[in-house]
Amino acid sequence: MNTARSVLLAGASGLLGRALVSRLNAEGWETRRLVRRPAAAPGEFTWDPASGEVPAAALAGVTAVINLAGENIAAGRWTEARRRLLRSSRIEPTRALARAISRMARPPEVFACASAVGFYGDRGNLMLGEDAARGDGFLAELTAEWEQAGAEVTAAGVRWAALRLGVVLSPEGGALARLLPIFRLGLGGRLASGRQWMSWISREDAAAAFVHVLGTPDCRGPLNACAPGPVTNADFTRILGFVLRRPVVFPVPAFALRLAFGRMAEETLLASTRAIPRALAATGFRFGQPGLEAALRQELGRPRAGS
């Protein structure tokens, strides 16, 4: 194995970043990390994305750069201040990295960026490949701008890939972590009609997808990073209840979600996005957990009886 491969990550301390660093290290990559606090460990470099500058030492000689930076979309109501933060936390780091890479005499081979299936907006039952048009709304517009910032590196001949992530499943954070206390009490239920489609991916498969992209020259442009089996919200909640052995009998009406979360509920909790990972599949990526029940059992440590 070529141990000279090195990768610089922004957002390495997040939910997906931690799993990705572990996987990269296991596969022989040297990992460097951009941090916003004082550097405290080997391989850490302090930066301020708002300044537009990236430490030259962090980029020197790297094979790849991965950007996972971005505030949690679903952490609260989308006030004007919150929308500004969601935008700046994505666009500023991406643009700073893209421009620093583009100025390098010997740039890295690939710039892989997190993106989101929110690009497609609320599309009902339509199956969405990477060639589907951008949807409407704040989240779709934000995601498109986020991707455009990263794509600047292509003018310098650097391969760029944007992994449009579905809901990343983990009990340590994100949507699943928020649902678990409610479902464990037997108070879980579908959201509104439950007919809206959910695109999801296990945390380990999300990390594996990034590693696959780094080593696969055909992986470029937008890539749907979600399991091949999207489910409706009704099926998601039913399967989660089954895995936890809890009833699922308390649906949450749409008006209550809109009252609690406003526009954020409309574009995330109630939106229907049925994304299919066509481009990843075409480049040979194989999902370790293509089915929702098996993925939840793995993440929650709830194997089937007798297995």
C-alpha atoms as a PDB file:
ATOM      1  CA  MET A   1       0.000   0.000   0.000  1.00  0.00           C
ATOM      2  CA  ASN A   2       1.191   3.480  -0.878  1.00  0.00           C
ATOM      3  CA  THR A   3       1.595   5.157   2.501  1.00  0.00           C
ATOM      4  CA  ALA A   4       2.690   8.414   0.847  1.00  0.00           C
ATOM      5  CA  ARG A   5      -0.925   9.332   0.083  1.00  0.00           C
ATOM      6  CA  SER A   6      -2.044  12.272   2.188  1.00  0.00           C
ATOM      7  CA  VAL A   7      -5.353  14.052   2.572  1.00  0.00           C
ATOM      8  CA  LEU A   8      -6.321  17.363   4.170  1.00  0.00           C
ATOM      9  CA  LEU A   9      -9.752  17.501   5.808  1.00  0.00           C
ATOM     10  CA  ALA A  10     -11.918  20.421   6.871  1.00  0.00           C
ATOM     11  CA  GLY A  11     -14.741  19.401   9.211  1.00  0.00           C
ATOM     12  CA  ALA A  12     -12.915  16.311  10.484  1.00  0.00           C
ATOM     13  CA  SER A  13     -14.313  16.610  14.018  1.00  0.00           C
ATOM     14  CA  GLY A  14     -17.951  16.235  12.927  1.00  0.00           C
ATOM     15  CA  LEU A  15     -20.185  13.189  12.863  1.00  0.00           C
ATOM     16  CA  LEU A  16     -19.030  11.988   9.455  1.00  0.00           C
ATOM     17  CA  GLY A  17     -15.526  13.422   9.771  1.00  0.00           C
ATOM     18  CA  ARG A  18     -14.599  11.194  12.709  1.00  0.00           C
ATOM     19  CA  ALA A  19     -15.661   8.045  10.870  1.00  0.00           C
ATOM     20  CA  LEU A  20     -13.879   9.176   7.720  1.00  0.00           C
ATOM     21  CA  VAL A  21     -10.581   9.891   9.502  1.00  0.00           C
ATOM     22  CA  SER A  22     -10.676   6.404  11.053  1.00  0.00           C
ATOM     23  CA  ARG A  23     -11.295   4.795   7.676  1.00  0.00           C
ATOM     24  CA  LEU A  24      -8.611   6.810   5.913  1.00  0.00           C
ATOM     25  CA  ASN A  25      -6.053   5.959   8.594  1.00  0.00           C
ATOM     26  CA  ALA A  26      -6.980   2.269   8.368  1.00  0.00           C
ATOM     27  CA  GLU A  27      -6.425   2.348   4.593  1.00  0.00           C
ATOM     28  CA  GLY A  28      -2.973   3.904   4.841  1.00  0.00           C
ATOM     29  CA  TRP A  29      -3.685   7.584   4.234  1.00  0.00           C
ATOM     30  CA  GLU A  30      -1.818  10.277   6.116  1.00  0.00           C
ATOM     31  CA  THR A  31      -4.526  12.602   7.433  1.00  0.00           C
ATOM     32  CA  ARG A  32      -4.160  16.312   8.125  1.00  0.00           C
ATOM     33  CA  ARG A  33      -6.906  18.379   9.709  1.00  0.00           C
ATOM     34  CA  LEU A  34      -7.890  22.029   9.549  1.00  0.00           C
ATOM     35  CA  VAL A  35      -9.190  23.244  12.925  1.00  0.00           C
ATOM     36  CA  ARG A  36     -10.584  26.573  14.117  1.00  0.00           C
ATOM     37  CA  ARG A  37      -8.978  26.335  17.565  1.00  0.00           C
ATOM     38  CA  PRO A  38      -5.253  26.377  18.321  1.00  0.00           C
ATOM     39  CA  ALA A  39      -3.589  23.300  16.816  1.00  0.00           C
ATOM     40  CA  ALA A  40      -2.998  20.770  19.574  1.00  0.00           C
ATOM     41  CA  ALA A  41      -1.911  17.552  17.850  1.00  0.00           C
ATOM     42  CA  PRO A  42       0.315  16.407  14.981  1.00  0.00           C
ATOM     43  CA  GLY A  43      -1.342  16.962  11.631  1.00  0.00           C
ATOM     44  CA  GLU A  44      -3.543  19.833  12.854  1.00  0.00           C
ATOM     45  CA  PHE A  45      -3.441  23.297  11.274  1.00  0.00           C
ATOM     46  CA  THR A  46      -5.338  26.301  12.579  1.00  0.00           C
ATOM     47  CA  TRP A  47      -7.366  28.313  10.078  1.00  0.00           C
ATOM     48  CA  ASP A  48     -10.116  30.904   9.831  1.00  0.00           C
ATOM     49  CA  PRO A  49     -12.245  30.258   6.740  1.00  0.00           C
ATOM     50  CA  ALA A  50     -13.684  33.784   6.846  1.00  0.00           C
ATOM     51  CA  SER A  51     -10.207  35.156   6.125  1.00  0.00           C
ATOM     52  CA  GLY A  52     -10.075  33.260   2.846  1.00  0.00           C
ATOM     53  CA  GLU A  53      -6.605  31.926   3.696  1.00  0.00           C
ATOM     54  CA  VAL A  54      -5.505  28.306   4.062  1.00  0.00           C
ATOM     55  CA  PRO A  55      -2.141  27.517   5.737  1.00  0.00           C
ATOM     56  CA  ALA A  56       0.322  26.670   2.983  1.00  0.00           C
ATOM     57  CA  ALA A  57       1.914  23.958   5.133  1.00  0.00           C
ATOM     58  CA  ALA A  58      -1.428  22.179   5.424  1.00  0.00           C
ATOM     59  CA  LEU A  59      -1.737  21.869   1.647  1.00  0.00           C
ATOM     60  CA  ALA A  60       1.902  21.159   0.817  1.00  0.00           C
ATOM     61  CA  GLY A  61       2.231  17.818  -0.950  1.00  0.00           C
ATOM     62  CA  VAL A  62      -1.280  16.547  -0.291  1.00  0.00           C
ATOM     63  CA  THR A  63      -2.863  14.080  -2.696  1.00  0.00           C
ATOM     64  CA  ALA A  64      -6.445  15.063  -1.888  1.00  0.00           C
ATOM     65  CA  VAL A  65      -8.557  17.593  -0.013  1.00  0.00           C
ATOM     66  CA  ILE A  66     -11.928  16.812   1.594  1.00  0.00           C
ATOM     67  CA  ASN A  67     -14.334  19.484   2.782  1.00  0.00           C
ATOM     68  CA  LEU A  68     -17.084  18.470   5.218  1.00  0.00           C
ATOM     69  CA  ALA A  69     -17.523  21.866   6.879  1.00  0.00           C
ATOM     70  CA  GLY A  70     -21.034  23.204   7.473  1.00  0.00           C
ATOM     71  CA  GLU A  71     -23.470  23.985  10.289  1.00  0.00           C
ATOM     72  CA  ASN A  72     -26.303  21.523  10.944  1.00  0.00           C
ATOM     73  CA  ILE A  73     -29.167  22.347   8.568  1.00  0.00           C
ATOM     74  CA  ALA A  74     -31.893  20.958  10.843  1.00  0.00           C
ATOM     75  CA  ALA A  75     -30.715  22.326  14.194  1.00  0.00           C
ATOM     76  CA  GLY A  76     -33.441  24.965  14.457  1.00  0.00           C
ATOM     77  CA  ARG A  77     -35.736  27.459  12.757  1.00  0.00           C
ATOM     78  CA  TRP A  78     -34.325  29.211   9.713  1.00  0.00           C
ATOM     79  CA  THR A  79     -34.295  32.744  11.009  1.00  0.00           C
ATOM     80  CA  GLU A  80     -32.523  35.328   8.887  1.00  0.00           C
ATOM     81  CA  ALA A  81     -29.464  35.048  11.139  1.00  0.00           C
ATOM     82  CA  ARG A  82     -29.558  31.259  10.954  1.00  0.00           C
ATOM     83  CA  ARG A  83     -29.756  31.291   7.146  1.00  0.00           C
ATOM     84  CA  ARG A  84     -26.707  33.568   7.013  1.00  0.00           C
ATOM     85  CA  LEU A  85     -24.802  31.154   9.259  1.00  0.00           C
ATOM     86  CA  LEU A  86     -25.820  28.106   7.214  1.00  0.00           C
ATOM     87  CA  ARG A  87     -24.606  29.832   4.085  1.00  0.00           C
ATOM     88  CA  SER A  88     -21.342  31.239   5.434  1.00  0.00           C
ATOM     89  CA  SER A  89     -20.386  27.967   7.166  1.00  0.00           C
ATOM     90  CA  ARG A  90     -20.536  26.210   3.795  1.00  0.00           C
ATOM     91  CA  ILE A  91     -19.533  28.757   1.200  1.00  0.00           C
ATOM     92  CA  GLU A  92     -16.601  30.396   3.016  1.00  0.00           C
ATOM     93  CA  PRO A  93     -14.602  27.207   3.761  1.00  0.00           C
ATOM     94  CA  THR A  94     -15.335  25.739   0.331  1.00  0.00           C
ATOM     95  CA  ARG A  95     -14.352  28.882  -1.547  1.00  0.00           C
ATOM     96  CA  ALA A  96     -11.218  29.395   0.555  1.00  0.00           C
ATOM     97  CA  LEU A  97     -10.054  25.828  -0.109  1.00  0.00           C
ATOM     98  CA  ALA A  98     -10.940  25.939  -3.812  1.00  0.00           C
ATOM     99  CA  ARG A  99      -9.049  29.162  -4.393  1.00  0.00           C
ATOM    100  CA  ALA A 100      -6.023  28.047  -2.378  1.00  0.00           C
ATOM    101  CA  ILE A 101      -5.900  24.799  -4.369  1.00  0.00           C
ATOM    102  CA  SER A 102      -6.248  26.668  -7.667  1.00  0.00           C
ATOM    103  CA  ARG A 103      -3.243  28.872  -6.838  1.00  0.00           C
ATOM    104  CA  MET A 104      -0.919  25.939  -6.135  1.00  0.00           C
ATOM    105  CA  ALA A 105       1.911  25.145  -8.526  1.00  0.00           C
ATOM    106  CA  ARG A 106       1.355  21.434  -7.793  1.00  0.00           C
ATOM    107  CA  PRO A 107      -2.267  21.085  -6.652  1.00  0.00           C
ATOM    108  CA  PRO A 108      -3.788  17.902  -5.229  1.00  0.00           C
ATOM    109  CA  GLU A 109      -5.389  15.388  -7.551  1.00  0.00           C
ATOM    110  CA  VAL A 110      -8.913  15.710  -6.185  1.00  0.00           C
ATOM    111  CA  PHE A 111     -11.124  18.033  -4.151  1.00  0.00           C
ATOM    112  CA  ALA A 112     -14.055  16.074  -2.658  1.00  0.00           C
ATOM    113  CA  CYS A 113     -16.799  18.116  -1.010  1.00  0.00           C
ATOM    114  CA  ALA A 114     -19.841  17.304   1.060  1.00  0.00           C
ATOM    115  CA  SER A 115     -23.114  18.375  -0.507  1.00  0.00           C
ATOM    116  CA  ALA A 116     -26.731  17.328   0.080  1.00  0.00           C
ATOM    117  CA  VAL A 117     -29.713  15.775  -1.671  1.00  0.00           C
ATOM    118  CA  GLY A 118     -31.491  18.957  -0.606  1.00  0.00           C
ATOM    119  CA  PHE A 119     -30.253  20.196  -3.990  1.00  0.00           C
ATOM    120  CA  TYR A 120     -33.308  18.512  -5.542  1.00  0.00           C
ATOM    121  CA  GLY A 121     -35.929  20.085  -3.292  1.00  0.00           C
ATOM    122  CA  ASP A 122     -39.405  18.595  -2.801  1.00  0.00           C
ATOM    123  CA  ARG A 123     -39.955  16.329  -5.831  1.00  0.00           C
ATOM    124  CA  GLY A 124     -42.684  13.890  -4.795  1.00  0.00           C
ATOM    125  CA  ASN A 125     -42.254  10.354  -6.145  1.00  0.00           C
ATOM    126  CA  LEU A 126     -39.792  11.293  -8.898  1.00  0.00           C
ATOM    127  CA  MET A 127     -36.632   9.171  -8.896  1.00  0.00           C
ATOM    128  CA  LEU A 128     -33.692  11.568  -8.921  1.00  0.00           C
ATOM    129  CA  GLY A 129     -30.366  10.795 -10.560  1.00  0.00           C
ATOM    130  CA  GLU A 130     -27.490  13.240 -10.658  1.00  0.00           C
ATOM    131  CA  ASP A 131     -28.793  14.721 -13.905  1.00  0.00           C
ATOM    132  CA  ALA A 132     -32.021  15.927 -12.262  1.00  0.00           C
ATOM    133  CA  ALA A 133     -32.521  19.683 -12.200  1.00  0.00           C
ATOM    134  CA  ARG A 134     -32.118  21.787  -9.089  1.00  0.00           C
ATOM    135  CA  GLY A 135     -35.237  22.157  -7.000  1.00  0.00           C
ATOM    136  CA  ASP A 136     -36.790  25.235  -5.445  1.00  0.00           C
ATOM    137  CA  GLY A 137     -36.296  26.822  -2.035  1.00  0.00           C
ATOM    138  CA  PHE A 138     -33.555  28.024   0.265  1.00  0.00           C
ATOM    139  CA  LEU A 139     -31.888  24.634   0.740  1.00  0.00           C
ATOM    140  CA  ALA A 140     -31.730  23.882  -2.984  1.00  0.00           C
ATOM    141  CA  GLU A 141     -30.288  27.323  -3.717  1.00  0.00           C
ATOM    142  CA  LEU A 142     -27.760  27.030  -0.892  1.00  0.00           C
ATOM    143  CA  THR A 143     -26.608  23.593  -2.038  1.00  0.00           C
ATOM    144  CA  ALA A 144     -26.177  24.769  -5.621  1.00  0.00           C
ATOM    145  CA  GLU A 145     -24.046  27.722  -4.494  1.00  0.00           C
ATOM    146  CA  TRP A 146     -22.049  25.415  -2.216  1.00  0.00           C
ATOM    147  CA  GLU A 147     -21.255  23.143  -5.148  1.00  0.00           C
ATOM    148  CA  GLN A 148     -20.389  26.046  -7.441  1.00  0.00           C
ATOM    149  CA  ALA A 149     -17.812  27.267  -4.921  1.00  0.00           C
ATOM    150  CA  GLY A 150     -16.049  23.894  -4.941  1.00  0.00           C
ATOM    151  CA  ALA A 151     -16.214  23.475  -8.703  1.00  0.00           C
ATOM    152  CA  GLU A 152     -13.878  26.449  -9.154  1.00  0.00           C
ATOM    153  CA  VAL A 153     -10.923  24.022  -8.927  1.00  0.00           C
ATOM    154  CA  THR A 154     -11.830  22.436 -12.265  1.00  0.00           C
ATOM    155  CA  ALA A 155     -10.444  25.515 -14.063  1.00  0.00           C
ATOM    156  CA  ALA A 156      -7.042  24.558 -12.601  1.00  0.00           C
ATOM    157  CA  GLY A 157      -7.365  20.969 -13.849  1.00  0.00           C
ATOM    158  CA  VAL A 158      -8.217  19.486 -10.450  1.00  0.00           C
ATOM    159  CA  ARG A 159     -10.830  16.749 -10.265  1.00  0.00           C
ATOM    160  CA  TRP A 160     -13.830  17.899  -8.216  1.00  0.00           C
ATOM    161  CA  ALA A 161     -16.586  15.759  -6.732  1.00  0.00           C
ATOM    162  CA  ALA A 162     -19.610  16.789  -4.661  1.00  0.00           C
ATOM    163  CA  LEU A 163     -21.169  13.992  -2.626  1.00  0.00           C
ATOM    164  CA  ARG A 164     -24.859  14.769  -2.233  1.00  0.00           C
ATOM    165  CA  LEU A 165     -25.454  13.107   1.106  1.00  0.00           C
ATOM    166  CA  GLY A 166     -28.764  11.756   2.278  1.00  0.00           C
ATOM    167  CA  VAL A 167     -29.617  11.548   5.989  1.00  0.00           C
ATOM    168  CA  VAL A 168     -26.488  10.076   7.612  1.00  0.00           C
ATOM    169  CA  LEU A 169     -27.527   7.452  10.171  1.00  0.00           C
ATOM    170  CA  SER A 170     -25.731   7.511  13.501  1.00  0.00           C
ATOM    171  CA  PRO A 171     -26.860   7.368  17.143  1.00  0.00           C
ATOM    172  CA  GLU A 172     -24.152   9.930  17.928  1.00  0.00           C
ATOM    173  CA  GLY A 173     -25.718  12.832  16.061  1.00  0.00           C
ATOM    174  CA  GLY A 174     -27.969  14.000  13.274  1.00  0.00           C
ATOM    175  CA  ALA A 175     -31.588  13.046  12.683  1.00  0.00           C
ATOM    176  CA  LEU A 176     -31.374   9.516  14.115  1.00  0.00           C
ATOM    177  CA  ALA A 177     -29.915  10.711  17.420  1.00  0.00           C
ATOM    178  CA  ARG A 178     -32.795  13.194  17.775  1.00  0.00           C
ATOM    179  CA  LEU A 179     -35.403  10.511  17.113  1.00  0.00           C
ATOM    180  CA  LEU A 180     -34.035   7.806  19.393  1.00  0.00           C
ATOM    181  CA  PRO A 181     -35.172   9.154  22.803  1.00  0.00           C
ATOM    182  CA  ILE A 182     -38.730   9.603  21.505  1.00  0.00           C
ATOM    183  CA  PHE A 183     -38.900   6.193  19.851  1.00  0.00           C
ATOM    184  CA  ARG A 184     -37.361   4.415  22.823  1.00  0.00           C
ATOM    185  CA  LEU A 185     -40.213   5.768  24.950  1.00  0.00           C
ATOM    186  CA  GLY A 186     -42.720   4.330  22.479  1.00  0.00           C
ATOM    187  CA  LEU A 187     -43.828   7.809  21.423  1.00  0.00           C
ATOM    188  CA  GLY A 188     -42.568   7.746  17.849  1.00  0.00           C
ATOM    189  CA  GLY A 189     -44.603   8.046  14.695  1.00  0.00           C
ATOM    190  CA  ARG A 190     -44.595   9.156  11.088  1.00  0.00           C
ATOM    191  CA  LEU A 191     -44.280  12.821  10.151  1.00  0.00           C
ATOM    192  CA  ALA A 192     -47.467  14.185   8.566  1.00  0.00           C
ATOM    193  CA  SER A 193     -48.736  11.768   5.889  1.00  0.00           C
ATOM    194  CA  GLY A 194     -45.485   9.777   5.950  1.00  0.00           C
ATOM    195  CA  ARG A 195     -45.576   9.554   2.159  1.00  0.00           C
ATOM    196  CA  GLN A 196     -42.528  11.801   1.676  1.00  0.00           C
ATOM    197  CA  TRP A 197     -39.431   9.963   0.472  1.00  0.00           C
ATOM    198  CA  MET A 198     -36.258   9.919   2.568  1.00  0.00           C
ATOM    199  CA  SER A 199     -32.809   9.386   1.086  1.00  0.00           C
ATOM    200  CA  TRP A 200     -30.451   7.981   3.715  1.00  0.00           C
ATOM    201  CA  ILE A 201     -26.991   6.419   4.097  1.00  0.00           C
ATOM    202  CA  SER A 202     -25.194   4.645   6.932  1.00  0.00           C
ATOM    203  CA  ARG A 203     -22.302   6.572   8.418  1.00  0.00           C
ATOM    204  CA  GLU A 204     -19.828   3.856   7.437  1.00  0.00           C
ATOM    205  CA  ASP A 205     -21.045   3.816   3.845  1.00  0.00           C
ATOM    206  CA  ALA A 206     -20.808   7.612   3.707  1.00  0.00           C
ATOM    207  CA  ALA A 207     -17.181   7.431   4.848  1.00  0.00           C
ATOM    208  CA  ALA A 208     -16.502   4.587   2.399  1.00  0.00           C
ATOM    209  CA  ALA A 209     -18.002   6.642  -0.442  1.00  0.00           C
ATOM    210  CA  PHE A 210     -15.538   9.486   0.164  1.00  0.00           C
ATOM    211  CA  VAL A 211     -12.598   7.061   0.171  1.00  0.00           C
ATOM    212  CA  HIS A 212     -13.917   5.491  -3.036  1.00  0.00           C
ATOM    213  CA  VAL A 213     -14.117   8.914  -4.685  1.00  0.00           C
ATOM    214  CA  LEU A 214     -10.513   9.724  -3.772  1.00  0.00           C
ATOM    215  CA  GLY A 215      -9.237   6.623  -5.513  1.00  0.00           C
ATOM    216  CA  THR A 216     -11.572   6.535  -8.515  1.00  0.00           C
ATOM    217  CA  PRO A 217     -10.727   8.984 -11.322  1.00  0.00           C
ATOM    218  CA  ASP A 218     -14.156   8.525 -12.926  1.00  0.00           C
ATOM    219  CA  CYS A 219     -15.808   9.990  -9.806  1.00  0.00           C
ATOM    220  CA  ARG A 220     -16.264  13.649 -10.638  1.00  0.00           C
ATOM    221  CA  GLY A 221     -19.012  16.231 -10.435  1.00  0.00           C
ATOM    222  CA  PRO A 222     -22.169  15.586  -8.387  1.00  0.00           C
ATOM    223  CA  LEU A 223     -22.630  12.111  -6.901  1.00  0.00           C
ATOM    224  CA  ASN A 224     -25.675  11.007  -4.923  1.00  0.00           C
ATOM    225  CA  ALA A 225     -24.261   9.569  -1.697  1.00  0.00           C
ATOM    226  CA  CYS A 226     -27.324   7.761  -0.441  1.00  0.00           C
ATOM    227  CA  ALA A 227     -28.344   4.121  -0.193  1.00  0.00           C
ATOM    228  CA  PRO A 228     -29.954   2.514  -3.263  1.00  0.00           C
ATOM    229  CA  GLY A 229     -33.144   1.895  -1.257  1.00  0.00           C
ATOM    230  CA  PRO A 230     -34.759   5.221  -0.285  1.00  0.00           C
ATOM    231  CA  VAL A 231     -37.845   4.790   1.897  1.00  0.00           C
ATOM    232  CA  THR A 232     -40.923   6.790   2.742  1.00  0.00           C
ATOM    233  CA  ASN A 233     -41.028   8.458   6.134  1.00  0.00           C
ATOM    234  CA  ALA A 234     -43.782   6.024   7.160  1.00  0.00           C
ATOM    235  CA  ASP A 235     -41.531   3.066   6.339  1.00  0.00           C
ATOM    236  CA  PHE A 236     -38.530   4.676   8.038  1.00  0.00           C
ATOM    237  CA  THR A 237     -40.415   5.170  11.300  1.00  0.00           C
ATOM    238  CA  ARG A 238     -42.005   1.705  11.113  1.00  0.00           C
ATOM    239  CA  ILE A 239     -38.622   0.026  10.607  1.00  0.00           C
ATOM    240  CA  LEU A 240     -36.987   2.079  13.358  1.00  0.00           C
ATOM    241  CA  GLY A 241     -39.761   1.075  15.758  1.00  0.00           C
ATOM    242  CA  PHE A 242     -39.375  -2.579  14.727  1.00  0.00           C
ATOM    243  CA  VAL A 243     -35.615  -2.543  15.326  1.00  0.00           C
ATOM    244  CA  LEU A 244     -36.118  -0.905  18.743  1.00  0.00           C
ATOM    245  CA  ARG A 245     -39.110  -3.165  19.523  1.00  0.00           C
ATOM    246  CA  ARG A 246     -41.299  -0.192  20.250  1.00  0.00           C
ATOM    247  CA  PRO A 247     -44.739   0.789  18.938  1.00  0.00           C
ATOM    248  CA  VAL A 248     -45.031   3.532  16.314  1.00  0.00           C
ATOM    249  CA  VAL A 249     -48.464   5.030  16.935  1.00  0.00           C
ATOM    250  CA  PHE A 250     -48.120   8.800  17.396  1.00  0.00           C
ATOM    251  CA  PRO A 251     -48.024  10.610  14.034  1.00  0.00           C
ATOM    252  CA  VAL A 252     -46.940  14.244  14.087  1.00  0.00           C
ATOM    253  CA  PRO A 253     -49.278  16.472  12.039  1.00  0.00           C
ATOM    254  CA  ALA A 254     -47.805  18.760   9.408  1.00  0.00           C
ATOM    255  CA  PHE A 255     -49.221  21.896  11.020  1.00  0.00           C
ATOM    256  CA  ALA A 256     -47.366  21.118  14.263  1.00  0.00           C
ATOM    257  CA  LEU A 257     -44.067  20.743  12.399  1.00  0.00           C
ATOM    258  CA  ARG A 258     -44.638  24.013  10.548  1.00  0.00           C
ATOM    259  CA  LEU A 259     -45.536  25.754  13.788  1.00  0.00           C
ATOM    260  CA  ALA A 260     -42.421  24.443  15.547  1.00  0.00           C
ATOM    261  CA  PHE A 261     -39.861  24.758  12.742  1.00  0.00           C
ATOM    262  CA  GLY A 262     -41.321  27.012  10.061  1.00  0.00           C
ATOM    263  CA  ARG A 263     -39.617  26.942   6.681  1.00  0.00           C
ATOM    264  CA  MET A 264     -37.052  24.386   7.862  1.00  0.00           C
ATOM    265  CA  ALA A 265     -39.840  21.813   8.372  1.00  0.00           C
ATOM    266  CA  GLU A 266     -41.232  22.490   4.900  1.00  0.00           C
ATOM    267  CA  GLU A 267     -37.910  21.925   3.133  1.00  0.00           C
ATOM    268  CA  THR A 268     -36.513  19.062   5.245  1.00  0.00           C
ATOM    269  CA  LEU A 269     -39.016  17.122   7.381  1.00  0.00           C
ATOM    270  CA  LEU A 270     -41.921  17.389   4.936  1.00  0.00           C
ATOM    271  CA  ALA A 271     -40.010  17.469   1.629  1.00  0.00           C
ATOM    272  CA  SER A 272     -39.915  14.331  -0.526  1.00  0.00           C
ATOM    273  CA  THR A 273     -36.534  13.492  -2.080  1.00  0.00           C
ATOM    274  CA  ARG A 274     -36.079  10.103  -3.761  1.00  0.00           C
ATOM    275  CA  ALA A 275     -32.429  10.230  -4.812  1.00  0.00           C
ATOM    276  CA  ILE A 276     -30.701   7.237  -6.426  1.00  0.00           C
ATOM    277  CA  PRO A 277     -26.875   6.730  -6.377  1.00  0.00           C
ATOM    278  CA  ARG A 278     -26.499   6.055 -10.091  1.00  0.00           C
ATOM    279  CA  ALA A 279     -23.070   7.639 -10.551  1.00  0.00           C
ATOM    280  CA  LEU A 280     -21.488   5.881  -7.560  1.00  0.00           C
ATOM    281  CA  ALA A 281     -22.894   2.528  -8.692  1.00  0.00           C
ATOM    282  CA  ALA A 282     -21.570   3.093 -12.211  1.00  0.00           C
ATOM    283  CA  THR A 283     -18.025   3.503 -10.835  1.00  0.00           C
ATOM    284  CA  GLY A 284     -18.152   0.243  -8.910  1.00  0.00           C
ATOM    285  CA  PHE A 285     -19.020   1.425  -5.406  1.00  0.00           C
ATOM    286  CA  ARG A 286     -20.684  -1.258  -3.292  1.00  0.00           C
ATOM    287  CA  PHE A 287     -22.768  -0.348  -0.270  1.00  0.00           C
ATOM    288  CA  GLY A 288     -22.050  -2.288   2.897  1.00  0.00           C
ATOM    289  CA  GLN A 289     -25.558  -1.544   4.173  1.00  0.00           C
ATOM    290  CA  PRO A 290     -27.944  -1.060   1.242  1.00  0.00           C
ATOM    291  CA  GLY A 291     -31.053  -1.882   3.307  1.00  0.00           C
ATOM    292  CA  LEU A 292     -32.465   0.315   6.083  1.00  0.00           C
ATOM    293  CA  GLU A 293     -33.198  -2.363   8.680  1.00  0.00           C
ATOM    294  CA  ALA A 294     -29.685  -3.840   8.499  1.00  0.00           C
ATOM    295  CA  ALA A 295     -28.144  -0.356   8.607  1.00  0.00           C
ATOM    296  CA  LEU A 296     -30.142   0.614  11.706  1.00  0.00           C
ATOM    297  CA  ARG A 297     -29.298  -2.664  13.424  1.00  0.00           C
ATOM    298  CA  GLN A 298     -25.610  -2.095  12.788  1.00  0.00           C
ATOM    299  CA  GLU A 299     -25.647   1.524  13.966  1.00  0.00           C
ATOM    300  CA  LEU A 300     -27.747   0.781  17.063  1.00  0.00           C
ATOM    301  CA  GLY A 301     -26.122  -2.544  17.991  1.00  0.00           C
ATOM    302  CA  ARG A 302     -29.431  -4.377  17.673  1.00  0.00           C
ATOM    303  CA  PRO A 303     -28.715  -7.634  15.774  1.00  0.00           C
ATOM    304  CA  ARG A 304     -31.549  -9.949  14.829  1.00  0.00           C
ATOM    305  CA  ALA A 305     -32.333 -12.653  17.385  1.00  0.00           C
ATOM    306  CA  GLY A 306     -30.128 -15.679  16.776  1.00  0.00           C
ATOM    307  CA  SER A 307     -27.640 -13.832  14.576  1.00  0.00           C
END
